[in-house]
Amino acid sequence: MEAISIARDEQDIDAARQLIAEAHQSILKAHRAQMGLITKEAQGERINVTFLMVHAQDHVMTTMAVMDLAEEVVNLYEQINEIKRGACQK
């Protein structure tokens, strides 16, 4: 969400993309932990699923979806900025 704000308010697309890249690195850690549990269960190990684990899974998936959307919104702001620059040059 911070990346979207920076792209919109400051029109700093590079900074927005850097924040998204940092977010990707963070969520990758959570995703690896999640996949570790899935792998263990797939290999026959019994995993005790708690409400907290379900809640954490929900956060991981929601975050991944918001990150995808943030990338698209930043791309749109970049296009808008390019159109504005082109219109100002005429």
N, C-alpha and C. Protein backbone atom coordinates (compact mmCIF):
# COMPACT_ATOMS: atom_id res chain seq x y z
N MET A 1 0.83 -1.19 0.00
CA MET A 1 0.00 0.00 0.00
C MET A 1 0.87 1.25 0.00
N GLU A 2 1.99 1.18 0.67
CA GLU A 2 2.92 2.32 0.69
C GLU A 2 3.46 2.58 -0.72
N ALA A 3 3.71 1.52 -1.45
CA ALA A 3 4.20 1.66 -2.83
C ALA A 3 3.17 2.38 -3.69
N ILE A 4 1.91 2.05 -3.53
CA ILE A 4 0.85 2.71 -4.29
C ILE A 4 0.81 4.19 -3.94
N SER A 5 0.91 4.51 -2.65
CA SER A 5 0.89 5.91 -2.22
C SER A 5 2.05 6.70 -2.81
N ILE A 6 3.23 6.11 -2.81
CA ILE A 6 4.40 6.79 -3.35
C ILE A 6 4.25 7.00 -4.85
N ALA A 7 3.73 5.99 -5.54
CA ALA A 7 3.52 6.12 -6.99
C ALA A 7 2.50 7.21 -7.29
N ARG A 8 1.47 7.30 -6.47
CA ARG A 8 0.41 8.28 -6.68
C ARG A 8 0.83 9.68 -6.25
N ASP A 9 1.29 9.82 -5.02
CA ASP A 9 1.53 11.13 -4.44
C ASP A 9 2.86 11.74 -4.85
N GLU A 10 3.89 10.93 -4.88
CA GLU A 10 5.23 11.44 -5.20
C GLU A 10 5.62 11.16 -6.65
N GLN A 11 4.84 10.35 -7.31
CA GLN A 11 5.11 9.94 -8.68
C GLN A 11 6.52 9.35 -8.83
N ASP A 12 6.94 8.62 -7.78
CA ASP A 12 8.26 7.99 -7.77
C ASP A 12 8.08 6.49 -8.01
N ILE A 13 8.05 6.14 -9.26
CA ILE A 13 7.79 4.75 -9.66
C ILE A 13 8.92 3.83 -9.21
N ASP A 14 10.16 4.29 -9.33
CA ASP A 14 11.30 3.45 -8.92
C ASP A 14 11.24 3.12 -7.43
N ALA A 15 10.92 4.12 -6.61
CA ALA A 15 10.81 3.88 -5.16
C ALA A 15 9.66 2.93 -4.87
N ALA A 16 8.55 3.08 -5.58
CA ALA A 16 7.41 2.18 -5.40
C ALA A 16 7.79 0.75 -5.75
N ARG A 17 8.48 0.58 -6.84
CA ARG A 17 8.90 -0.77 -7.25
C ARG A 17 9.90 -1.36 -6.27
N GLN A 18 10.75 -0.52 -5.69
CA GLN A 18 11.70 -1.01 -4.69
C GLN A 18 10.97 -1.53 -3.45
N LEU A 19 9.94 -0.81 -3.03
CA LEU A 19 9.15 -1.28 -1.88
C LEU A 19 8.45 -2.60 -2.19
N ILE A 20 7.95 -2.74 -3.39
CA ILE A 20 7.30 -4.00 -3.77
C ILE A 20 8.32 -5.14 -3.80
N ALA A 21 9.52 -4.87 -4.28
CA ALA A 21 10.57 -5.89 -4.30
C ALA A 21 10.92 -6.33 -2.88
N GLU A 22 11.00 -5.36 -1.96
CA GLU A 22 11.27 -5.69 -0.56
C GLU A 22 10.14 -6.52 0.04
N ALA A 23 8.92 -6.18 -0.31
CA ALA A 23 7.76 -6.94 0.17
C ALA A 23 7.81 -8.37 -0.35
N HIS A 24 8.22 -8.53 -1.61
CA HIS A 24 8.32 -9.87 -2.18
C HIS A 24 9.32 -10.72 -1.39
N GLN A 25 10.44 -10.13 -0.99
CA GLN A 25 11.43 -10.87 -0.22
C GLN A 25 10.87 -11.30 1.13
N SER A 26 10.12 -10.42 1.76
CA SER A 26 9.53 -10.74 3.06
C SER A 26 8.48 -11.83 2.95
N ILE A 27 7.60 -11.71 1.99
CA ILE A 27 6.53 -12.70 1.86
C ILE A 27 7.09 -14.05 1.41
N LEU A 28 8.22 -14.03 0.72
CA LEU A 28 8.86 -15.29 0.31
C LEU A 28 9.23 -16.12 1.54
N LYS A 29 9.69 -15.46 2.59
CA LYS A 29 10.04 -16.19 3.83
C LYS A 29 8.80 -16.86 4.41
N ALA A 30 7.70 -16.14 4.45
CA ALA A 30 6.46 -16.71 4.98
C ALA A 30 5.97 -17.85 4.10
N HIS A 31 6.09 -17.68 2.80
CA HIS A 31 5.64 -18.71 1.86
C HIS A 31 6.49 -19.98 2.02
N ARG A 32 7.78 -19.81 2.22
CA ARG A 32 8.66 -20.98 2.42
C ARG A 32 8.28 -21.73 3.69
N ALA A 33 7.96 -21.00 4.75
CA ALA A 33 7.54 -21.65 5.99
C ALA A 33 6.24 -22.43 5.76
N GLN A 34 5.33 -21.81 5.06
CA GLN A 34 4.06 -22.45 4.74
C GLN A 34 4.29 -23.72 3.91
N MET A 35 5.13 -23.62 2.89
CA MET A 35 5.39 -24.78 2.04
C MET A 35 6.11 -25.89 2.81
N GLY A 36 6.91 -25.51 3.79
CA GLY A 36 7.57 -26.51 4.62
C GLY A 36 6.54 -27.36 5.36
N LEU A 37 5.53 -26.71 5.90
CA LEU A 37 4.47 -27.45 6.60
C LEU A 37 3.67 -28.33 5.64
N ILE A 38 3.37 -27.78 4.48
CA ILE A 38 2.61 -28.55 3.48
C ILE A 38 3.41 -29.77 3.04
N THR A 39 4.72 -29.58 2.84
CA THR A 39 5.58 -30.69 2.42
C THR A 39 5.63 -31.77 3.49
N LYS A 40 5.77 -31.36 4.75
CA LYS A 40 5.79 -32.35 5.83
C LYS A 40 4.51 -33.17 5.85
N GLU A 41 3.38 -32.48 5.73
CA GLU A 41 2.11 -33.21 5.76
C GLU A 41 1.98 -34.12 4.54
N ALA A 42 2.43 -33.65 3.38
CA ALA A 42 2.36 -34.48 2.17
C ALA A 42 3.23 -35.73 2.30
N GLN A 43 4.28 -35.63 3.11
CA GLN A 43 5.17 -36.77 3.32
C GLN A 43 4.67 -37.69 4.44
N GLY A 44 3.49 -37.39 4.98
CA GLY A 44 2.89 -38.27 5.97
C GLY A 44 3.00 -37.81 7.41
N GLU A 45 3.73 -36.74 7.65
CA GLU A 45 3.84 -36.24 9.02
C GLU A 45 2.54 -35.54 9.41
N ARG A 46 2.05 -35.84 10.57
CA ARG A 46 0.80 -35.24 11.04
C ARG A 46 1.08 -33.83 11.54
N ILE A 47 0.40 -32.85 10.97
CA ILE A 47 0.55 -31.45 11.36
C ILE A 47 -0.71 -31.03 12.11
N ASN A 48 -0.52 -30.48 13.30
CA ASN A 48 -1.64 -29.99 14.10
C ASN A 48 -2.01 -28.59 13.61
N VAL A 49 -3.12 -28.49 12.91
CA VAL A 49 -3.56 -27.21 12.35
C VAL A 49 -4.40 -26.49 13.40
N THR A 50 -3.93 -25.31 13.77
CA THR A 50 -4.64 -24.50 14.75
C THR A 50 -5.33 -23.33 14.05
N PHE A 51 -6.21 -22.68 14.77
CA PHE A 51 -6.87 -21.50 14.22
C PHE A 51 -5.83 -20.44 13.89
N LEU A 52 -4.79 -20.34 14.70
CA LEU A 52 -3.72 -19.37 14.44
C LEU A 52 -3.02 -19.66 13.11
N MET A 53 -2.81 -20.93 12.81
CA MET A 53 -2.18 -21.29 11.53
C MET A 53 -3.09 -20.93 10.36
N VAL A 54 -4.39 -21.16 10.52
CA VAL A 54 -5.34 -20.82 9.47
C VAL A 54 -5.35 -19.31 9.26
N HIS A 55 -5.32 -18.57 10.34
CA HIS A 55 -5.30 -17.11 10.28
C HIS A 55 -4.02 -16.63 9.58
N ALA A 56 -2.91 -17.23 9.92
CA ALA A 56 -1.64 -16.87 9.29
C ALA A 56 -1.67 -17.16 7.79
N GLN A 57 -2.24 -18.28 7.41
CA GLN A 57 -2.38 -18.63 5.99
C GLN A 57 -3.22 -17.59 5.26
N ASP A 58 -4.28 -17.15 5.91
CA ASP A 58 -5.13 -16.12 5.33
C ASP A 58 -4.34 -14.84 5.09
N HIS A 59 -3.51 -14.46 6.04
CA HIS A 59 -2.69 -13.26 5.88
C HIS A 59 -1.68 -13.40 4.73
N VAL A 60 -1.07 -14.56 4.62
CA VAL A 60 -0.10 -14.79 3.54
C VAL A 60 -0.79 -14.65 2.18
N MET A 61 -1.91 -15.30 2.02
CA MET A 61 -2.61 -15.27 0.73
C MET A 61 -3.13 -13.87 0.40
N THR A 62 -3.67 -13.17 1.41
CA THR A 62 -4.17 -11.82 1.19
C THR A 62 -3.02 -10.89 0.81
N THR A 63 -1.91 -11.02 1.50
CA THR A 63 -0.75 -10.19 1.20
C THR A 63 -0.25 -10.43 -0.22
N MET A 64 -0.21 -11.67 -0.63
CA MET A 64 0.25 -11.99 -1.98
C MET A 64 -0.69 -11.37 -3.02
N ALA A 65 -1.97 -11.41 -2.78
CA ALA A 65 -2.94 -10.83 -3.71
C ALA A 65 -2.80 -9.31 -3.77
N VAL A 66 -2.63 -8.68 -2.61
CA VAL A 66 -2.47 -7.22 -2.57
C VAL A 66 -1.18 -6.80 -3.27
N MET A 67 -0.13 -7.58 -3.10
CA MET A 67 1.13 -7.26 -3.78
C MET A 67 0.97 -7.32 -5.29
N ASP A 68 0.28 -8.33 -5.79
CA ASP A 68 0.02 -8.41 -7.23
C ASP A 68 -0.76 -7.19 -7.71
N LEU A 69 -1.77 -6.82 -6.95
CA LEU A 69 -2.58 -5.66 -7.30
C LEU A 69 -1.75 -4.37 -7.23
N ALA A 70 -0.91 -4.26 -6.22
CA ALA A 70 -0.06 -3.07 -6.08
C ALA A 70 0.85 -2.90 -7.29
N GLU A 71 1.40 -4.00 -7.78
CA GLU A 71 2.25 -3.92 -8.98
C GLU A 71 1.47 -3.37 -10.17
N GLU A 72 0.25 -3.84 -10.32
CA GLU A 72 -0.59 -3.36 -11.43
C GLU A 72 -0.92 -1.87 -11.28
N VAL A 73 -1.24 -1.46 -10.06
CA VAL A 73 -1.58 -0.05 -9.82
C VAL A 73 -0.36 0.84 -10.07
N VAL A 74 0.80 0.42 -9.62
CA VAL A 74 2.02 1.19 -9.87
C VAL A 74 2.27 1.30 -11.37
N ASN A 75 2.06 0.21 -12.10
CA ASN A 75 2.21 0.26 -13.56
C ASN A 75 1.24 1.26 -14.18
N LEU A 76 0.03 1.30 -13.68
CA LEU A 76 -0.96 2.26 -14.19
C LEU A 76 -0.53 3.69 -13.90
N TYR A 77 -0.04 3.95 -12.69
CA TYR A 77 0.44 5.30 -12.38
C TYR A 77 1.61 5.68 -13.27
N GLU A 78 2.45 4.73 -13.58
CA GLU A 78 3.56 5.02 -14.50
C GLU A 78 3.02 5.43 -15.87
N GLN A 79 2.04 4.71 -16.37
CA GLN A 79 1.45 5.05 -17.66
C GLN A 79 0.77 6.41 -17.61
N ILE A 80 0.07 6.70 -16.53
CA ILE A 80 -0.58 8.00 -16.38
C ILE A 80 0.46 9.12 -16.40
N ASN A 81 1.55 8.92 -15.66
CA ASN A 81 2.61 9.93 -15.63
C ASN A 81 3.22 10.15 -17.00
N GLU A 82 3.40 9.08 -17.77
CA GLU A 82 3.94 9.21 -19.12
C GLU A 82 2.98 9.98 -20.02
N ILE A 83 1.69 9.72 -19.89
CA ILE A 83 0.70 10.44 -20.69
C ILE A 83 0.70 11.92 -20.32
N LYS A 84 0.76 12.21 -19.03
CA LYS A 84 0.80 13.60 -18.57
C LYS A 84 2.02 14.33 -19.11
N ARG A 85 3.18 13.67 -19.05
CA ARG A 85 4.42 14.29 -19.56
C ARG A 85 4.30 14.56 -21.05
N GLY A 86 3.71 13.60 -21.77
CA GLY A 86 3.52 13.78 -23.22
C GLY A 86 2.58 14.94 -23.52
N ALA A 87 1.53 15.08 -22.73
CA ALA A 87 0.55 16.17 -22.96
C ALA A 87 1.17 17.52 -22.62
N CYS A 88 2.05 17.55 -21.62
CA CYS A 88 2.68 18.82 -21.24
C CYS A 88 3.71 19.28 -22.26
N GLN A 89 4.27 18.35 -23.01
CA GLN A 89 5.29 18.71 -24.01
C GLN A 89 4.69 19.29 -25.27
N LYS A 90 3.39 19.13 -25.46
CA LYS A 90 2.74 19.62 -26.68
C LYS A 90 2.38 21.06 -26.57
